[in-house]
Amino acid sequence: MQDTPTILVTGANGQVGKELRQLENEYPEYRFLFLSREDLPIHHFELVRNYFRAVKPRYLINCAAYTAVDKAESEQELAFQINAEAVGVLAAVCHEYGTKLLHLSTDYVFDGKGDQPYQPDTPTGPRSVYGASKLKGEEEARRFDPDCIIIRTSWVYSEFGKNFVKTMCRLMQEKEILQVVSDQYGSPTYAADLADFMLRLIRSGKWDPGIYHYCNQGVISWYDFARQIRDFTGRNCRITSVPSSGYPSIASRPAYSALDCSMTFRTWPPPAPAWEESLLRCLKRLGVAISGTGD
């Protein structure tokens, strides 16, 4: 089995990292190695270089990220260290060892002022430290490894970690009325779909460097998302809409951050499932009872 190509996954304890681990047995032709931040400090060049020299990974899927959007405003140095500096280190080492780099980025690189899904080549303009750090990470990845593939995604949820779907399921059991923001629009992404897409991309053997978008199909508001969760689960909770001004946050959120994924799905078909279909699958995996609305 010495010729079995190795897929190295950084950020293994995040939502996408954990979903990749769930899929490991479905891709037996690869050897998987999963690293958390405790296993390898990815901003240390020599440590990363020594690790690559020993392991010789064929592919790197970088899911490691600083994702505390509000906290990043006061922890700018740490956010840029993880989301930008470390990405440059990984890209440089990947380039040195001929490792194919798949790097995850975000819809927060855009200013959110649009009203049509963003193309990969739409001019960026992040409005938060988090978004700026992720954009810098994209630039570092392409500067040190022009052969890399960057995948921007949005509104990620899964049965792992903290996310909107799990929070809504909990609050709908605890409260009779919920207020949810209705003037922020985007496309949800089920982390299991994203993980499977990246592994199918690797398996396809088609490696086209550049920036791509991946999310489930459909553009909705957080309010729409919450209502569908309620309808699928049959909760009696009443959901009312509220503007973003009703929930002021430290960091600015994009008002519109839907991503156009057409180029991605032309390059690596088929298209992602509709967001409703993937939400239903996630709820079932969470063990949530589904009402007749979802069947």
C-alpha atoms as a PDB file:
ATOM      1  CA  MET A   1       0.000   0.000   0.000  1.00  0.00           C
ATOM      2  CA  GLN A   2       3.002   2.304  -0.298  1.00  0.00           C
ATOM      3  CA  ASP A   3       1.601   3.816  -3.497  1.00  0.00           C
ATOM      4  CA  THR A   4      -1.710   4.758  -1.860  1.00  0.00           C
ATOM      5  CA  PRO A   5      -1.997   8.547  -2.205  1.00  0.00           C
ATOM      6  CA  THR A   6      -2.377  10.415   1.065  1.00  0.00           C
ATOM      7  CA  ILE A   7      -4.999  13.111   1.637  1.00  0.00           C
ATOM      8  CA  LEU A   8      -3.999  15.389   4.499  1.00  0.00           C
ATOM      9  CA  VAL A   9      -6.833  17.302   6.186  1.00  0.00           C
ATOM     10  CA  THR A  10      -6.067  20.310   8.396  1.00  0.00           C
ATOM     11  CA  GLY A  11      -8.766  21.757  10.632  1.00  0.00           C
ATOM     12  CA  ALA A  12      -9.923  18.219  11.313  1.00  0.00           C
ATOM     13  CA  ASN A  13     -12.092  19.197  14.309  1.00  0.00           C
ATOM     14  CA  GLY A  14     -14.220  21.690  12.381  1.00  0.00           C
ATOM     15  CA  GLN A  15     -17.528  20.957  10.690  1.00  0.00           C
ATOM     16  CA  VAL A  16     -16.077  20.166   7.257  1.00  0.00           C
ATOM     17  CA  GLY A  17     -13.120  18.296   8.738  1.00  0.00           C
ATOM     18  CA  LYS A  18     -15.426  16.034  10.707  1.00  0.00           C
ATOM     19  CA  GLU A  19     -17.603  15.407   7.656  1.00  0.00           C
ATOM     20  CA  LEU A  20     -14.489  14.426   5.683  1.00  0.00           C
ATOM     21  CA  ARG A  21     -13.676  11.924   8.426  1.00  0.00           C
ATOM     22  CA  GLN A  22     -17.189  10.487   8.090  1.00  0.00           C
ATOM     23  CA  LEU A  23     -16.542   9.857   4.384  1.00  0.00           C
ATOM     24  CA  GLU A  24     -13.122   8.232   4.798  1.00  0.00           C
ATOM     25  CA  ASN A  25     -14.395   4.675   4.270  1.00  0.00           C
ATOM     26  CA  GLU A  26     -16.152   5.648   1.025  1.00  0.00           C
ATOM     27  CA  TYR A  27     -12.809   6.557  -0.549  1.00  0.00           C
ATOM     28  CA  PRO A  28     -10.681   3.463   0.208  1.00  0.00           C
ATOM     29  CA  GLU A  29      -8.217   4.257  -2.577  1.00  0.00           C
ATOM     30  CA  TYR A  30      -6.783   7.063  -0.409  1.00  0.00           C
ATOM     31  CA  ARG A  31      -5.019   7.180   2.915  1.00  0.00           C
ATOM     32  CA  PHE A  32      -6.369   9.955   5.147  1.00  0.00           C
ATOM     33  CA  LEU A  33      -4.507  11.881   7.810  1.00  0.00           C
ATOM     34  CA  PHE A  34      -6.478  14.331   9.968  1.00  0.00           C
ATOM     35  CA  LEU A  35      -4.697  17.130  11.833  1.00  0.00           C
ATOM     36  CA  SER A  36      -6.055  19.552  14.420  1.00  0.00           C
ATOM     37  CA  ARG A  37      -4.284  22.742  15.504  1.00  0.00           C
ATOM     38  CA  GLU A  38      -2.870  20.802  18.471  1.00  0.00           C
ATOM     39  CA  ASP A  39      -1.309  18.236  16.138  1.00  0.00           C
ATOM     40  CA  LEU A  40       0.553  20.726  13.944  1.00  0.00           C
ATOM     41  CA  PRO A  41       0.880  24.538  14.274  1.00  0.00           C
ATOM     42  CA  ILE A  42       0.458  25.259  10.573  1.00  0.00           C
ATOM     43  CA  HIS A  43       1.922  28.771  10.720  1.00  0.00           C
ATOM     44  CA  HIS A  44       5.382  27.360  11.601  1.00  0.00           C
ATOM     45  CA  PHE A  45       7.129  26.842   8.272  1.00  0.00           C
ATOM     46  CA  GLU A  46       9.848  24.400   9.354  1.00  0.00           C
ATOM     47  CA  LEU A  47       7.460  22.215  11.367  1.00  0.00           C
ATOM     48  CA  VAL A  48       5.081  21.992   8.415  1.00  0.00           C
ATOM     49  CA  ARG A  49       7.958  21.365   6.024  1.00  0.00           C
ATOM     50  CA  ASN A  50       9.325  18.553   8.196  1.00  0.00           C
ATOM     51  CA  TYR A  51       5.880  16.983   8.457  1.00  0.00           C
ATOM     52  CA  PHE A  52       5.419  17.047   4.671  1.00  0.00           C
ATOM     53  CA  ARG A  53       8.887  15.583   4.183  1.00  0.00           C
ATOM     54  CA  ALA A  54       7.917  12.632   6.383  1.00  0.00           C
ATOM     55  CA  VAL A  55       4.340  12.099   5.179  1.00  0.00           C
ATOM     56  CA  LYS A  56       4.570  13.171   1.506  1.00  0.00           C
ATOM     57  CA  PRO A  57       0.839  13.919   1.061  1.00  0.00           C
ATOM     58  CA  ARG A  58      -0.535  13.906  -2.473  1.00  0.00           C
ATOM     59  CA  TYR A  59      -3.346  16.275  -1.509  1.00  0.00           C
ATOM     60  CA  LEU A  60      -4.004  18.813   1.235  1.00  0.00           C
ATOM     61  CA  ILE A  61      -7.528  19.927   2.104  1.00  0.00           C
ATOM     62  CA  ASN A  62      -7.130  22.978   4.311  1.00  0.00           C
ATOM     63  CA  CYS A  63     -10.208  23.394   6.495  1.00  0.00           C
ATOM     64  CA  ALA A  64      -8.305  25.171   9.269  1.00  0.00           C
ATOM     65  CA  ALA A  65      -9.645  28.658   9.943  1.00  0.00           C
ATOM     66  CA  TYR A  66     -10.301  31.296  12.569  1.00  0.00           C
ATOM     67  CA  THR A  67     -14.085  31.650  12.270  1.00  0.00           C
ATOM     68  CA  ALA A  68     -15.110  33.783  15.277  1.00  0.00           C
ATOM     69  CA  VAL A  69     -16.367  36.678  13.131  1.00  0.00           C
ATOM     70  CA  ASP A  70     -17.063  39.171  15.925  1.00  0.00           C
ATOM     71  CA  LYS A  71     -14.084  38.198  18.058  1.00  0.00           C
ATOM     72  CA  ALA A  72     -11.768  38.708  15.090  1.00  0.00           C
ATOM     73  CA  GLU A  73     -12.368  42.462  15.316  1.00  0.00           C
ATOM     74  CA  SER A  74     -10.371  42.496  18.576  1.00  0.00           C
ATOM     75  CA  GLU A  75      -8.074  39.564  17.695  1.00  0.00           C
ATOM     76  CA  GLN A  76      -6.918  40.767  14.304  1.00  0.00           C
ATOM     77  CA  GLU A  77      -3.371  39.428  14.665  1.00  0.00           C
ATOM     78  CA  LEU A  78      -4.562  35.921  15.513  1.00  0.00           C
ATOM     79  CA  ALA A  79      -7.164  35.923  12.723  1.00  0.00           C
ATOM     80  CA  PHE A  80      -4.550  36.891  10.125  1.00  0.00           C
ATOM     81  CA  GLN A  81      -2.047  34.394  11.533  1.00  0.00           C
ATOM     82  CA  ILE A  82      -4.464  31.471  11.045  1.00  0.00           C
ATOM     83  CA  ASN A  83      -6.419  32.631   7.979  1.00  0.00           C
ATOM     84  CA  ALA A  84      -3.574  34.219   6.007  1.00  0.00           C
ATOM     85  CA  GLU A  85      -0.037  33.604   7.282  1.00  0.00           C
ATOM     86  CA  ALA A  86      -0.617  29.881   7.861  1.00  0.00           C
ATOM     87  CA  VAL A  87      -2.207  29.517   4.425  1.00  0.00           C
ATOM     88  CA  GLY A  88       0.904  31.009   2.847  1.00  0.00           C
ATOM     89  CA  VAL A  89       3.056  28.503   4.748  1.00  0.00           C
ATOM     90  CA  LEU A  90       0.904  25.573   3.635  1.00  0.00           C
ATOM     91  CA  ALA A  91       0.846  26.789   0.035  1.00  0.00           C
ATOM     92  CA  ALA A  92       4.630  27.227  -0.081  1.00  0.00           C
ATOM     93  CA  VAL A  93       5.233  23.753   1.309  1.00  0.00           C
ATOM     94  CA  CYS A  94       2.620  22.225  -1.021  1.00  0.00           C
ATOM     95  CA  HIS A  95       4.381  23.857  -3.972  1.00  0.00           C
ATOM     96  CA  GLU A  96       7.762  22.563  -2.783  1.00  0.00           C
ATOM     97  CA  TYR A  97       6.568  18.968  -2.408  1.00  0.00           C
ATOM     98  CA  GLY A  98       4.148  18.821  -5.351  1.00  0.00           C
ATOM     99  CA  THR A  99       1.113  18.471  -3.083  1.00  0.00           C
ATOM    100  CA  LYS A 100      -2.228  19.517  -4.579  1.00  0.00           C
ATOM    101  CA  LEU A 101      -3.827  22.164  -2.336  1.00  0.00           C
ATOM    102  CA  LEU A 102      -7.583  22.566  -1.835  1.00  0.00           C
ATOM    103  CA  HIS A 103      -8.200  25.619   0.346  1.00  0.00           C
ATOM    104  CA  LEU A 104     -11.564  26.659   1.808  1.00  0.00           C
ATOM    105  CA  SER A 105     -12.594  30.311   1.820  1.00  0.00           C
ATOM    106  CA  THR A 106     -15.773  32.269   2.432  1.00  0.00           C
ATOM    107  CA  ASP A 107     -18.526  34.527   1.107  1.00  0.00           C
ATOM    108  CA  TYR A 108     -17.292  37.190   3.572  1.00  0.00           C
ATOM    109  CA  VAL A 109     -14.654  38.269   1.041  1.00  0.00           C
ATOM    110  CA  PHE A 110     -17.476  40.216  -0.690  1.00  0.00           C
ATOM    111  CA  ASP A 111     -18.986  43.493   0.494  1.00  0.00           C
ATOM    112  CA  GLY A 112     -22.555  42.182   0.463  1.00  0.00           C
ATOM    113  CA  LYS A 113     -23.924  45.105  -1.532  1.00  0.00           C
ATOM    114  CA  GLY A 114     -24.900  43.057  -4.588  1.00  0.00           C
ATOM    115  CA  ASP A 115     -28.265  41.628  -5.532  1.00  0.00           C
ATOM    116  CA  GLN A 116     -27.168  38.770  -7.821  1.00  0.00           C
ATOM    117  CA  PRO A 117     -25.091  35.698  -6.874  1.00  0.00           C
ATOM    118  CA  TYR A 118     -21.399  36.541  -6.896  1.00  0.00           C
ATOM    119  CA  GLN A 119     -19.168  35.068  -9.609  1.00  0.00           C
ATOM    120  CA  PRO A 120     -15.661  33.879  -8.619  1.00  0.00           C
ATOM    121  CA  ASP A 121     -14.186  36.877 -10.474  1.00  0.00           C
ATOM    122  CA  THR A 122     -16.527  39.470  -8.949  1.00  0.00           C
ATOM    123  CA  PRO A 123     -14.420  42.193  -7.263  1.00  0.00           C
ATOM    124  CA  THR A 124     -14.018  41.524  -3.555  1.00  0.00           C
ATOM    125  CA  GLY A 125     -14.424  44.009  -0.706  1.00  0.00           C
ATOM    126  CA  PRO A 126     -14.575  42.457   2.760  1.00  0.00           C
ATOM    127  CA  ARG A 127     -16.208  44.548   5.492  1.00  0.00           C
ATOM    128  CA  SER A 128     -14.824  42.698   8.513  1.00  0.00           C
ATOM    129  CA  VAL A 129     -11.467  41.566   9.869  1.00  0.00           C
ATOM    130  CA  TYR A 130     -12.563  37.966   9.356  1.00  0.00           C
ATOM    131  CA  GLY A 131     -13.392  38.609   5.693  1.00  0.00           C
ATOM    132  CA  ALA A 132     -10.167  40.550   5.146  1.00  0.00           C
ATOM    133  CA  SER A 133      -8.098  37.771   6.718  1.00  0.00           C
ATOM    134  CA  LYS A 134      -9.736  35.134   4.536  1.00  0.00           C
ATOM    135  CA  LEU A 135      -9.180  37.238   1.417  1.00  0.00           C
ATOM    136  CA  LYS A 136      -5.515  37.629   2.356  1.00  0.00           C
ATOM    137  CA  GLY A 137      -5.379  33.850   2.733  1.00  0.00           C
ATOM    138  CA  GLU A 138      -6.641  33.435  -0.819  1.00  0.00           C
ATOM    139  CA  GLU A 139      -3.943  35.819  -2.036  1.00  0.00           C
ATOM    140  CA  GLU A 140      -1.232  33.990  -0.096  1.00  0.00           C
ATOM    141  CA  ALA A 141      -2.396  30.617  -1.425  1.00  0.00           C
ATOM    142  CA  ARG A 142      -2.244  31.765  -5.042  1.00  0.00           C
ATOM    143  CA  ARG A 143       1.032  33.646  -4.556  1.00  0.00           C
ATOM    144  CA  PHE A 144       2.925  30.674  -3.122  1.00  0.00           C
ATOM    145  CA  ASP A 145       1.105  27.910  -5.022  1.00  0.00           C
ATOM    146  CA  PRO A 146      -0.457  28.999  -8.347  1.00  0.00           C
ATOM    147  CA  ASP A 147      -1.622  25.396  -8.867  1.00  0.00           C
ATOM    148  CA  CYS A 148      -4.009  25.539  -5.889  1.00  0.00           C
ATOM    149  CA  ILE A 149      -7.794  25.358  -5.953  1.00  0.00           C
ATOM    150  CA  ILE A 150      -9.717  27.754  -3.690  1.00  0.00           C
ATOM    151  CA  ILE A 151     -13.324  26.953  -2.833  1.00  0.00           C
ATOM    152  CA  ARG A 152     -15.474  29.694  -1.342  1.00  0.00           C
ATOM    153  CA  THR A 153     -18.517  28.545   0.563  1.00  0.00           C
ATOM    154  CA  SER A 154     -21.227  30.097   2.756  1.00  0.00           C
ATOM    155  CA  TRP A 155     -23.625  29.517   5.665  1.00  0.00           C
ATOM    156  CA  VAL A 156     -22.057  26.165   6.593  1.00  0.00           C
ATOM    157  CA  TYR A 157     -23.967  23.834   8.922  1.00  0.00           C
ATOM    158  CA  SER A 158     -23.825  20.168   9.944  1.00  0.00           C
ATOM    159  CA  GLU A 159     -24.561  17.890  12.873  1.00  0.00           C
ATOM    160  CA  PHE A 160     -21.178  18.822  14.309  1.00  0.00           C
ATOM    161  CA  GLY A 161     -20.155  21.903  16.267  1.00  0.00           C
ATOM    162  CA  LYS A 162     -22.159  25.095  16.652  1.00  0.00           C
ATOM    163  CA  ASN A 163     -24.241  26.293  13.703  1.00  0.00           C
ATOM    164  CA  PHE A 164     -27.549  27.905  12.766  1.00  0.00           C
ATOM    165  CA  VAL A 165     -29.480  24.660  12.225  1.00  0.00           C
ATOM    166  CA  LYS A 166     -28.577  23.152  15.592  1.00  0.00           C
ATOM    167  CA  THR A 167     -29.182  26.457  17.375  1.00  0.00           C
ATOM    168  CA  MET A 168     -32.649  26.828  15.803  1.00  0.00           C
ATOM    169  CA  CYS A 169     -33.605  23.252  16.692  1.00  0.00           C
ATOM    170  CA  ARG A 170     -32.701  23.933  20.315  1.00  0.00           C
ATOM    171  CA  LEU A 171     -34.364  27.337  20.557  1.00  0.00           C
ATOM    172  CA  MET A 172     -37.568  26.100  18.934  1.00  0.00           C
ATOM    173  CA  GLN A 173     -37.909  23.630  21.786  1.00  0.00           C
ATOM    174  CA  GLU A 174     -37.218  26.269  24.423  1.00  0.00           C
ATOM    175  CA  LYS A 175     -39.154  29.281  23.135  1.00  0.00           C
ATOM    176  CA  GLU A 176     -42.632  30.000  21.802  1.00  0.00           C
ATOM    177  CA  ILE A 177     -41.527  32.957  19.652  1.00  0.00           C
ATOM    178  CA  LEU A 178     -38.249  33.540  17.814  1.00  0.00           C
ATOM    179  CA  GLN A 179     -37.067  36.623  15.971  1.00  0.00           C
ATOM    180  CA  VAL A 180     -34.818  35.920  12.974  1.00  0.00           C
ATOM    181  CA  VAL A 181     -33.043  38.346  10.645  1.00  0.00           C
ATOM    182  CA  SER A 182     -34.827  38.660   7.310  1.00  0.00           C
ATOM    183  CA  ASP A 183     -32.628  41.127   5.379  1.00  0.00           C
ATOM    184  CA  GLN A 184     -29.474  39.008   5.026  1.00  0.00           C
ATOM    185  CA  TYR A 185     -29.522  36.695   2.003  1.00  0.00           C
ATOM    186  CA  GLY A 186     -27.268  33.811   1.070  1.00  0.00           C
ATOM    187  CA  SER A 187     -27.058  30.115   0.235  1.00  0.00           C
ATOM    188  CA  PRO A 188     -26.801  27.471   2.978  1.00  0.00           C
ATOM    189  CA  THR A 189     -24.137  24.789   2.626  1.00  0.00           C
ATOM    190  CA  TYR A 190     -24.433  21.375   4.222  1.00  0.00           C
ATOM    191  CA  ALA A 191     -20.874  20.480   5.237  1.00  0.00           C
ATOM    192  CA  ALA A 192     -21.435  16.833   4.263  1.00  0.00           C
ATOM    193  CA  ASP A 193     -22.159  17.898   0.670  1.00  0.00           C
ATOM    194  CA  LEU A 194     -19.099  20.142   0.564  1.00  0.00           C
ATOM    195  CA  ALA A 195     -16.855  17.404   1.956  1.00  0.00           C
ATOM    196  CA  ASP A 196     -18.113  14.872  -0.563  1.00  0.00           C
ATOM    197  CA  PHE A 197     -17.696  17.361  -3.409  1.00  0.00           C
ATOM    198  CA  MET A 198     -14.035  17.937  -2.550  1.00  0.00           C
ATOM    199  CA  LEU A 199     -13.313  14.223  -2.420  1.00  0.00           C
ATOM    200  CA  ARG A 200     -15.136  13.656  -5.716  1.00  0.00           C
ATOM    201  CA  LEU A 201     -13.066  16.480  -7.210  1.00  0.00           C
ATOM    202  CA  ILE A 202      -9.877  14.708  -6.137  1.00  0.00           C
ATOM    203  CA  ARG A 203     -11.131  11.336  -7.364  1.00  0.00           C
ATOM    204  CA  SER A 204     -12.071  12.806 -10.763  1.00  0.00           C
ATOM    205  CA  GLY A 205      -8.427  13.512 -11.570  1.00  0.00           C
ATOM    206  CA  LYS A 206      -9.497  16.826 -13.115  1.00  0.00           C
ATOM    207  CA  TRP A 207      -7.400  19.539 -11.486  1.00  0.00           C
ATOM    208  CA  ASP A 208      -8.196  23.027 -12.780  1.00  0.00           C
ATOM    209  CA  PRO A 209      -6.483  25.628 -10.568  1.00  0.00           C
ATOM    210  CA  GLY A 210      -8.424  28.762  -9.652  1.00  0.00           C
ATOM    211  CA  ILE A 211     -11.207  30.095  -7.448  1.00  0.00           C
ATOM    212  CA  TYR A 212     -14.557  28.293  -7.344  1.00  0.00           C
ATOM    213  CA  HIS A 213     -17.791  28.592  -5.389  1.00  0.00           C
ATOM    214  CA  TYR A 214     -19.694  25.770  -3.720  1.00  0.00           C
ATOM    215  CA  CYS A 215     -22.979  25.912  -1.820  1.00  0.00           C
ATOM    216  CA  ASN A 216     -26.363  24.255  -1.997  1.00  0.00           C
ATOM    217  CA  GLN A 217     -28.746  25.565  -4.623  1.00  0.00           C
ATOM    218  CA  GLY A 218     -31.117  28.384  -3.733  1.00  0.00           C
ATOM    219  CA  VAL A 219     -30.959  31.894  -2.263  1.00  0.00           C
ATOM    220  CA  ILE A 220     -32.814  32.579   0.993  1.00  0.00           C
ATOM    221  CA  SER A 221     -32.776  34.742   4.114  1.00  0.00           C
ATOM    222  CA  TRP A 222     -31.992  33.509   7.611  1.00  0.00           C
ATOM    223  CA  TYR A 223     -35.721  33.981   8.290  1.00  0.00           C
ATOM    224  CA  ASP A 224     -36.601  31.655   5.387  1.00  0.00           C
ATOM    225  CA  PHE A 225     -34.064  29.142   6.664  1.00  0.00           C
ATOM    226  CA  ALA A 226     -35.546  29.176  10.169  1.00  0.00           C
ATOM    227  CA  ARG A 227     -39.096  28.766   8.883  1.00  0.00           C
ATOM    228  CA  GLN A 228     -38.113  25.709   6.856  1.00  0.00           C
ATOM    229  CA  ILE A 229     -36.400  24.154   9.878  1.00  0.00           C
ATOM    230  CA  ARG A 230     -39.598  24.713  11.850  1.00  0.00           C
ATOM    231  CA  ASP A 231     -41.779  23.250   9.084  1.00  0.00           C
ATOM    232  CA  PHE A 232     -39.629  20.147   8.672  1.00  0.00           C
ATOM    233  CA  THR A 233     -39.542  19.509  12.417  1.00  0.00           C
ATOM    234  CA  GLY A 234     -43.176  20.385  13.089  1.00  0.00           C
ATOM    235  CA  ARG A 235     -42.376  22.774  15.939  1.00  0.00           C
ATOM    236  CA  ASN A 236     -45.107  25.099  17.212  1.00  0.00           C
ATOM    237  CA  CYS A 237     -42.692  27.997  17.610  1.00  0.00           C
ATOM    238  CA  ARG A 238     -43.773  31.264  15.955  1.00  0.00           C
ATOM    239  CA  ILE A 239     -41.036  32.912  13.914  1.00  0.00           C
ATOM    240  CA  THR A 240     -41.112  36.639  13.258  1.00  0.00           C
ATOM    241  CA  SER A 241     -38.832  38.631  10.994  1.00  0.00           C
ATOM    242  CA  VAL A 242     -36.507  41.361  12.244  1.00  0.00           C
ATOM    243  CA  PRO A 243     -34.037  43.626  10.391  1.00  0.00           C
ATOM    244  CA  SER A 244     -30.311  43.303  10.983  1.00  0.00           C
ATOM    245  CA  SER A 245     -30.464  46.558  12.935  1.00  0.00           C
ATOM    246  CA  GLY A 246     -32.482  44.693  15.541  1.00  0.00           C
ATOM    247  CA  TYR A 247     -29.485  42.458  16.228  1.00  0.00           C
ATOM    248  CA  PRO A 248     -26.441  44.746  16.041  1.00  0.00           C
ATOM    249  CA  SER A 249     -23.135  42.860  15.860  1.00  0.00           C
ATOM    250  CA  ILE A 250     -19.515  43.880  16.387  1.00  0.00           C
ATOM    251  CA  ALA A 251     -18.503  42.800  12.877  1.00  0.00           C
ATOM    252  CA  SER A 252     -20.407  43.779   9.755  1.00  0.00           C
ATOM    253  CA  ARG A 253     -22.226  40.924   8.004  1.00  0.00           C
ATOM    254  CA  PRO A 254     -22.802  40.976   4.224  1.00  0.00           C
ATOM    255  CA  ALA A 255     -26.437  41.743   3.450  1.00  0.00           C
ATOM    256  CA  TYR A 256     -26.266  39.650   0.289  1.00  0.00           C
ATOM    257  CA  SER A 257     -23.654  36.931  -0.120  1.00  0.00           C
ATOM    258  CA  ALA A 258     -25.164  34.293  -2.415  1.00  0.00           C
ATOM    259  CA  LEU A 259     -22.539  32.563  -4.547  1.00  0.00           C
ATOM    260  CA  ASP A 260     -22.834  31.620  -8.217  1.00  0.00           C
ATOM    261  CA  CYS A 261     -21.621  28.014  -8.466  1.00  0.00           C
ATOM    262  CA  SER A 262     -22.268  27.430 -12.172  1.00  0.00           C
ATOM    263  CA  MET A 263     -18.580  27.311 -13.127  1.00  0.00           C
ATOM    264  CA  THR A 264     -17.924  24.764 -10.374  1.00  0.00           C
ATOM    265  CA  PHE A 265     -20.702  22.454 -11.509  1.00  0.00           C
ATOM    266  CA  ARG A 266     -19.703  22.733 -15.168  1.00  0.00           C
ATOM    267  CA  THR A 267     -16.192  21.676 -14.209  1.00  0.00           C
ATOM    268  CA  TRP A 268     -17.167  18.971 -11.719  1.00  0.00           C
ATOM    269  CA  PRO A 269     -20.790  17.860 -12.222  1.00  0.00           C
ATOM    270  CA  PRO A 270     -23.366  17.182 -10.939  1.00  0.00           C
ATOM    271  CA  PRO A 271     -24.737  20.303  -9.223  1.00  0.00           C
ATOM    272  CA  ALA A 272     -25.128  20.428  -5.459  1.00  0.00           C
ATOM    273  CA  PRO A 273     -28.525  19.428  -4.056  1.00  0.00           C
ATOM    274  CA  ALA A 274     -31.148  22.073  -3.334  1.00  0.00           C
ATOM    275  CA  TRP A 275     -30.786  23.559   0.139  1.00  0.00           C
ATOM    276  CA  GLU A 276     -34.132  22.107   1.313  1.00  0.00           C
ATOM    277  CA  GLU A 277     -33.064  18.574   0.371  1.00  0.00           C
ATOM    278  CA  SER A 278     -29.767  18.851   2.225  1.00  0.00           C
ATOM    279  CA  LEU A 279     -31.374  20.460   5.276  1.00  0.00           C
ATOM    280  CA  LEU A 280     -33.770  17.545   5.524  1.00  0.00           C
ATOM    281  CA  ARG A 281     -30.894  15.047   5.343  1.00  0.00           C
ATOM    282  CA  CYS A 282     -29.020  16.882   8.083  1.00  0.00           C
ATOM    283  CA  LEU A 283     -32.053  16.997  10.366  1.00  0.00           C
ATOM    284  CA  LYS A 284     -32.553  13.266   9.935  1.00  0.00           C
ATOM    285  CA  ARG A 285     -28.887  12.614  10.773  1.00  0.00           C
ATOM    286  CA  LEU A 286     -29.350  14.759  13.876  1.00  0.00           C
ATOM    287  CA  GLY A 287     -32.131  12.394  14.913  1.00  0.00           C
ATOM    288  CA  VAL A 288     -34.760  15.126  14.812  1.00  0.00           C
ATOM    289  CA  ALA A 289     -38.324  13.888  14.288  1.00  0.00           C
ATOM    290  CA  ILE A 290     -39.539  15.028  10.859  1.00  0.00           C
ATOM    291  CA  SER A 291     -43.132  16.134  10.332  1.00  0.00           C
ATOM    292  CA  GLY A 292     -45.244  15.239   7.304  1.00  0.00           C
ATOM    293  CA  THR A 293     -44.098  18.471   5.633  1.00  0.00           C
ATOM    294  CA  GLY A 294     -40.667  17.018   5.006  1.00  0.00           C
ATOM    295  CA  ASP A 295     -41.642  13.628   3.599  1.00  0.00           C
END
